[in-house]
Amino acid sequence: QAAKSARTVVITGVPDGLLHDDVMTDILVIHFQMSKNNGGDVEEVLYPTMEKGVAYVTFEDQEVVESVLKKDDHRLEDKRLSRYYPLKVIRYCEHVSAFRIYLVVLPL
């Protein structure tokens, strides 16, 4: 099995504060397990995170990461949400390096 970081994607654009965190986590699991979203078996979803509107999704297989990244248009839709929300999906390793740079460059 590939390293966890290689099986993880970062999701941005998660609607914040609309639903309980555990409900939003369930909606994310469902979204990323659906074949229409190029999804597969989800091992874990980390939400909420220290960054607002950001979740980490880890899949059981690294191949699923590749297929999820190939899909251009991820829309989070659920009957518990009043509308759909566009999500951005990026590789975990790319996000972490960008976030580190962000912390170094901007005095908080």
N, C-alpha and C. Protein backbone atom coordinates (compact mmCIF):
# COMPACT_ATOMS: atom_id res chain seq x y z
N GLN A 1 0.85 -1.20 0.00
CA GLN A 1 0.00 0.00 0.00
C GLN A 1 0.89 1.25 0.00
N ALA A 2 0.50 2.21 -0.80
CA ALA A 2 1.28 3.44 -0.92
C ALA A 2 1.21 4.23 0.40
N ALA A 3 2.19 5.10 0.57
CA ALA A 3 2.22 5.95 1.77
C ALA A 3 0.93 6.77 1.86
N LYS A 4 0.55 7.06 3.07
CA LYS A 4 -0.71 7.79 3.28
C LYS A 4 -0.74 9.12 2.52
N SER A 5 0.38 9.83 2.52
CA SER A 5 0.42 11.13 1.84
C SER A 5 0.15 10.98 0.34
N ALA A 6 0.56 9.84 -0.24
CA ALA A 6 0.34 9.60 -1.67
C ALA A 6 -1.09 9.21 -1.97
N ARG A 7 -1.82 8.79 -0.93
CA ARG A 7 -3.22 8.39 -1.11
C ARG A 7 -4.20 9.47 -0.65
N THR A 8 -3.67 10.66 -0.36
CA THR A 8 -4.49 11.74 0.20
C THR A 8 -4.59 12.91 -0.75
N VAL A 9 -5.80 13.48 -0.83
CA VAL A 9 -6.00 14.72 -1.57
C VAL A 9 -6.52 15.79 -0.61
N VAL A 10 -6.30 17.03 -1.00
CA VAL A 10 -6.78 18.17 -0.23
C VAL A 10 -7.97 18.76 -0.97
N ILE A 11 -9.04 18.98 -0.25
CA ILE A 11 -10.26 19.52 -0.83
C ILE A 11 -10.43 20.94 -0.30
N THR A 12 -10.57 21.90 -1.21
CA THR A 12 -10.88 23.27 -0.77
C THR A 12 -12.25 23.64 -1.32
N GLY A 13 -12.88 24.62 -0.66
CA GLY A 13 -14.22 25.04 -1.07
C GLY A 13 -15.33 24.33 -0.33
N VAL A 14 -14.99 23.60 0.73
CA VAL A 14 -16.01 22.92 1.53
C VAL A 14 -16.84 24.00 2.24
N PRO A 15 -18.17 23.98 2.07
CA PRO A 15 -18.99 25.02 2.71
C PRO A 15 -18.86 24.95 4.23
N ASP A 16 -18.51 26.06 4.82
CA ASP A 16 -18.17 26.12 6.23
C ASP A 16 -19.37 26.59 7.05
N GLY A 17 -19.65 25.90 8.15
CA GLY A 17 -20.64 26.38 9.11
C GLY A 17 -22.09 26.15 8.73
N LEU A 18 -22.36 25.43 7.64
CA LEU A 18 -23.75 25.19 7.24
C LEU A 18 -24.36 24.00 7.97
N LEU A 19 -23.55 22.97 8.15
CA LEU A 19 -24.01 21.73 8.75
C LEU A 19 -23.03 21.31 9.84
N HIS A 20 -23.47 20.38 10.70
CA HIS A 20 -22.54 19.83 11.69
C HIS A 20 -21.34 19.21 10.97
N ASP A 21 -20.20 19.28 11.61
CA ASP A 21 -18.97 18.76 10.99
C ASP A 21 -19.09 17.29 10.61
N ASP A 22 -19.73 16.49 11.47
CA ASP A 22 -19.84 15.06 11.16
C ASP A 22 -20.75 14.82 9.97
N VAL A 23 -21.77 15.66 9.79
CA VAL A 23 -22.66 15.54 8.63
C VAL A 23 -21.88 15.91 7.36
N MET A 24 -21.11 16.98 7.42
CA MET A 24 -20.30 17.39 6.27
C MET A 24 -19.28 16.31 5.92
N THR A 25 -18.70 15.70 6.93
CA THR A 25 -17.76 14.60 6.70
C THR A 25 -18.44 13.46 5.95
N ASP A 26 -19.66 13.10 6.36
CA ASP A 26 -20.43 12.05 5.68
C ASP A 26 -20.68 12.41 4.22
N ILE A 27 -21.06 13.66 3.97
CA ILE A 27 -21.34 14.12 2.60
C ILE A 27 -20.07 14.01 1.75
N LEU A 28 -18.93 14.36 2.32
CA LEU A 28 -17.66 14.26 1.59
C LEU A 28 -17.31 12.81 1.29
N VAL A 29 -17.52 11.91 2.26
CA VAL A 29 -17.26 10.49 2.03
C VAL A 29 -18.11 9.99 0.88
N ILE A 30 -19.41 10.31 0.90
CA ILE A 30 -20.32 9.86 -0.16
C ILE A 30 -19.85 10.40 -1.51
N HIS A 31 -19.51 11.69 -1.57
CA HIS A 31 -19.08 12.31 -2.83
C HIS A 31 -17.88 11.58 -3.41
N PHE A 32 -16.89 11.32 -2.59
CA PHE A 32 -15.64 10.75 -3.09
C PHE A 32 -15.66 9.23 -3.21
N GLN A 33 -16.78 8.60 -2.83
CA GLN A 33 -16.94 7.17 -3.10
C GLN A 33 -17.71 6.92 -4.39
N MET A 34 -18.39 7.95 -4.91
CA MET A 34 -19.24 7.77 -6.09
C MET A 34 -18.41 7.63 -7.36
N SER A 35 -18.79 6.65 -8.19
CA SER A 35 -18.06 6.43 -9.44
C SER A 35 -18.20 7.62 -10.39
N LYS A 36 -19.34 8.33 -10.34
CA LYS A 36 -19.51 9.49 -11.24
C LYS A 36 -18.52 10.62 -10.92
N ASN A 37 -17.95 10.58 -9.72
CA ASN A 37 -16.93 11.56 -9.33
C ASN A 37 -15.52 10.96 -9.44
N ASN A 38 -15.41 9.84 -10.16
CA ASN A 38 -14.14 9.11 -10.30
C ASN A 38 -13.62 8.63 -8.95
N GLY A 39 -14.52 8.45 -7.99
CA GLY A 39 -14.13 8.12 -6.63
C GLY A 39 -13.84 6.65 -6.41
N GLY A 40 -13.60 6.31 -5.15
CA GLY A 40 -13.33 4.93 -4.76
C GLY A 40 -13.42 4.82 -3.25
N ASP A 41 -12.89 3.72 -2.72
CA ASP A 41 -13.01 3.47 -1.28
C ASP A 41 -12.24 4.53 -0.48
N VAL A 42 -12.96 5.20 0.41
CA VAL A 42 -12.37 6.24 1.26
C VAL A 42 -11.95 5.61 2.58
N GLU A 43 -10.69 5.83 2.93
CA GLU A 43 -10.17 5.32 4.20
C GLU A 43 -10.51 6.28 5.33
N GLU A 44 -10.38 7.59 5.05
CA GLU A 44 -10.57 8.56 6.13
C GLU A 44 -10.80 9.95 5.53
N VAL A 45 -11.63 10.72 6.23
CA VAL A 45 -11.81 12.14 5.90
C VAL A 45 -11.47 12.94 7.15
N LEU A 46 -10.56 13.89 6.99
CA LEU A 46 -10.23 14.80 8.09
C LEU A 46 -10.95 16.12 7.85
N TYR A 47 -11.94 16.41 8.67
CA TYR A 47 -12.68 17.66 8.58
C TYR A 47 -13.35 17.89 9.92
N PRO A 48 -13.32 19.10 10.48
CA PRO A 48 -12.64 20.29 9.94
C PRO A 48 -11.13 20.21 10.18
N THR A 49 -10.41 21.09 9.50
CA THR A 49 -8.97 21.20 9.68
C THR A 49 -8.66 22.60 10.19
N MET A 50 -7.39 22.90 10.35
CA MET A 50 -7.01 24.23 10.83
C MET A 50 -7.31 25.32 9.80
N GLU A 51 -7.49 24.91 8.55
CA GLU A 51 -7.81 25.88 7.50
C GLU A 51 -9.30 25.82 7.20
N LYS A 52 -9.93 26.96 7.15
CA LYS A 52 -11.38 27.04 6.93
C LYS A 52 -11.74 26.51 5.54
N GLY A 53 -12.75 25.65 5.49
CA GLY A 53 -13.23 25.14 4.20
C GLY A 53 -12.33 24.12 3.55
N VAL A 54 -11.40 23.55 4.33
CA VAL A 54 -10.44 22.57 3.79
C VAL A 54 -10.65 21.23 4.47
N ALA A 55 -10.65 20.17 3.65
CA ALA A 55 -10.73 18.80 4.17
C ALA A 55 -9.62 17.97 3.53
N TYR A 56 -9.23 16.90 4.21
CA TYR A 56 -8.27 15.94 3.67
C TYR A 56 -9.00 14.62 3.49
N VAL A 57 -8.91 14.06 2.29
CA VAL A 57 -9.55 12.78 2.01
C VAL A 57 -8.46 11.77 1.65
N THR A 58 -8.41 10.67 2.39
CA THR A 58 -7.45 9.60 2.12
C THR A 58 -8.19 8.40 1.55
N PHE A 59 -7.71 7.92 0.42
CA PHE A 59 -8.31 6.75 -0.24
C PHE A 59 -7.52 5.50 0.10
N GLU A 60 -8.16 4.35 -0.08
CA GLU A 60 -7.46 3.09 0.18
C GLU A 60 -6.44 2.79 -0.92
N ASP A 61 -6.72 3.24 -2.14
CA ASP A 61 -5.81 2.98 -3.26
C ASP A 61 -5.31 4.28 -3.88
N GLN A 62 -4.04 4.31 -4.21
CA GLN A 62 -3.44 5.51 -4.82
C GLN A 62 -4.04 5.80 -6.19
N GLU A 63 -4.48 4.75 -6.91
CA GLU A 63 -5.06 4.95 -8.24
C GLU A 63 -6.28 5.87 -8.19
N VAL A 64 -7.01 5.79 -7.08
CA VAL A 64 -8.22 6.63 -6.94
C VAL A 64 -7.83 8.11 -6.90
N VAL A 65 -6.71 8.42 -6.27
CA VAL A 65 -6.22 9.80 -6.24
C VAL A 65 -6.07 10.31 -7.67
N GLU A 66 -5.43 9.50 -8.51
CA GLU A 66 -5.20 9.91 -9.90
C GLU A 66 -6.53 10.15 -10.63
N SER A 67 -7.49 9.26 -10.44
CA SER A 67 -8.76 9.41 -11.16
C SER A 67 -9.57 10.59 -10.64
N VAL A 68 -9.53 10.82 -9.33
CA VAL A 68 -10.24 11.97 -8.74
C VAL A 68 -9.65 13.29 -9.25
N LEU A 69 -8.31 13.32 -9.38
CA LEU A 69 -7.65 14.54 -9.87
C LEU A 69 -7.96 14.80 -11.34
N LYS A 70 -8.26 13.74 -12.10
CA LYS A 70 -8.55 13.91 -13.53
C LYS A 70 -9.91 14.55 -13.77
N LYS A 71 -10.82 14.40 -12.80
CA LYS A 71 -12.16 14.98 -12.97
C LYS A 71 -12.07 16.49 -12.77
N ASP A 72 -12.53 17.23 -13.79
CA ASP A 72 -12.39 18.70 -13.75
C ASP A 72 -13.35 19.37 -12.78
N ASP A 73 -14.54 18.83 -12.71
CA ASP A 73 -15.63 19.58 -12.10
C ASP A 73 -16.22 18.82 -10.91
N HIS A 74 -15.67 19.03 -9.73
CA HIS A 74 -16.24 18.38 -8.53
C HIS A 74 -17.28 19.32 -7.93
N ARG A 75 -18.51 18.81 -7.87
CA ARG A 75 -19.60 19.60 -7.27
C ARG A 75 -20.14 18.84 -6.07
N LEU A 76 -20.06 19.46 -4.91
CA LEU A 76 -20.61 18.83 -3.71
C LEU A 76 -22.10 19.07 -3.69
N GLU A 77 -22.86 17.98 -3.86
CA GLU A 77 -24.32 18.09 -3.88
C GLU A 77 -24.91 17.11 -2.89
N ASP A 78 -25.91 17.54 -2.18
CA ASP A 78 -26.59 16.69 -1.22
C ASP A 78 -27.92 17.35 -0.88
N LYS A 79 -28.93 16.54 -0.56
CA LYS A 79 -30.23 17.13 -0.25
C LYS A 79 -30.18 18.00 1.01
N ARG A 80 -29.17 17.81 1.83
CA ARG A 80 -29.03 18.63 3.04
C ARG A 80 -28.38 19.99 2.76
N LEU A 81 -27.89 20.17 1.53
CA LEU A 81 -27.30 21.46 1.13
C LEU A 81 -28.29 22.17 0.22
N SER A 82 -28.40 23.49 0.36
CA SER A 82 -29.38 24.24 -0.42
C SER A 82 -28.99 24.38 -1.89
N ARG A 83 -27.69 24.23 -2.19
CA ARG A 83 -27.22 24.31 -3.57
C ARG A 83 -25.95 23.48 -3.69
N TYR A 84 -25.40 23.40 -4.89
CA TYR A 84 -24.14 22.67 -5.00
C TYR A 84 -22.98 23.63 -4.75
N TYR A 85 -21.87 23.06 -4.32
CA TYR A 85 -20.66 23.83 -4.04
C TYR A 85 -19.51 23.27 -4.86
N PRO A 86 -18.86 24.11 -5.67
CA PRO A 86 -17.71 23.62 -6.43
C PRO A 86 -16.52 23.37 -5.49
N LEU A 87 -15.89 22.24 -5.67
CA LEU A 87 -14.73 21.88 -4.85
C LEU A 87 -13.48 21.87 -5.71
N LYS A 88 -12.37 22.23 -5.11
CA LYS A 88 -11.09 22.10 -5.79
C LYS A 88 -10.34 20.95 -5.12
N VAL A 89 -9.77 20.09 -5.95
CA VAL A 89 -9.06 18.92 -5.43
C VAL A 89 -7.60 19.01 -5.86
N ILE A 90 -6.69 18.95 -4.91
CA ILE A 90 -5.26 18.98 -5.23
C ILE A 90 -4.53 17.89 -4.45
N ARG A 91 -3.36 17.54 -4.95
CA ARG A 91 -2.53 16.54 -4.26
C ARG A 91 -2.12 17.06 -2.89
N TYR A 92 -2.06 16.17 -1.94
CA TYR A 92 -1.66 16.54 -0.59
C TYR A 92 -0.26 17.16 -0.55
N CYS A 93 0.69 16.53 -1.24
CA CYS A 93 2.09 17.02 -1.16
C CYS A 93 2.20 18.43 -1.72
N GLU A 94 1.46 18.73 -2.80
CA GLU A 94 1.51 20.09 -3.37
C GLU A 94 0.94 21.11 -2.40
N HIS A 95 -0.15 20.74 -1.78
CA HIS A 95 -0.82 21.67 -0.86
C HIS A 95 0.07 21.98 0.34
N VAL A 96 0.66 20.94 0.91
CA VAL A 96 1.46 21.12 2.12
C VAL A 96 2.64 22.06 1.84
N SER A 97 3.29 21.89 0.71
CA SER A 97 4.42 22.77 0.41
C SER A 97 3.95 24.20 0.17
N ALA A 98 2.82 24.38 -0.49
CA ALA A 98 2.27 25.73 -0.72
C ALA A 98 1.88 26.37 0.61
N PHE A 99 1.31 25.59 1.50
CA PHE A 99 0.88 26.12 2.79
C PHE A 99 2.08 26.53 3.64
N ARG A 100 3.14 25.75 3.57
CA ARG A 100 4.36 26.11 4.32
C ARG A 100 4.93 27.43 3.82
N ILE A 101 4.96 27.60 2.53
CA ILE A 101 5.47 28.85 1.94
C ILE A 101 4.61 30.02 2.40
N TYR A 102 3.31 29.82 2.39
CA TYR A 102 2.36 30.82 2.83
C TYR A 102 2.67 31.26 4.27
N LEU A 103 2.95 30.30 5.13
CA LEU A 103 3.24 30.62 6.54
C LEU A 103 4.55 31.40 6.67
N VAL A 104 5.52 31.08 5.83
CA VAL A 104 6.83 31.74 5.91
C VAL A 104 6.75 33.17 5.36
N VAL A 105 6.02 33.34 4.28
CA VAL A 105 5.99 34.62 3.57
C VAL A 105 5.15 35.67 4.29
N LEU A 106 4.02 35.24 4.82
CA LEU A 106 3.11 36.21 5.45
C LEU A 106 3.26 36.23 6.96
N PRO A 107 3.69 37.35 7.51
CA PRO A 107 3.74 37.43 8.98
C PRO A 107 2.30 37.47 9.52
N LEU A 108 1.96 36.52 10.36
CA LEU A 108 0.57 36.44 10.83
C LEU A 108 0.40 37.17 12.16
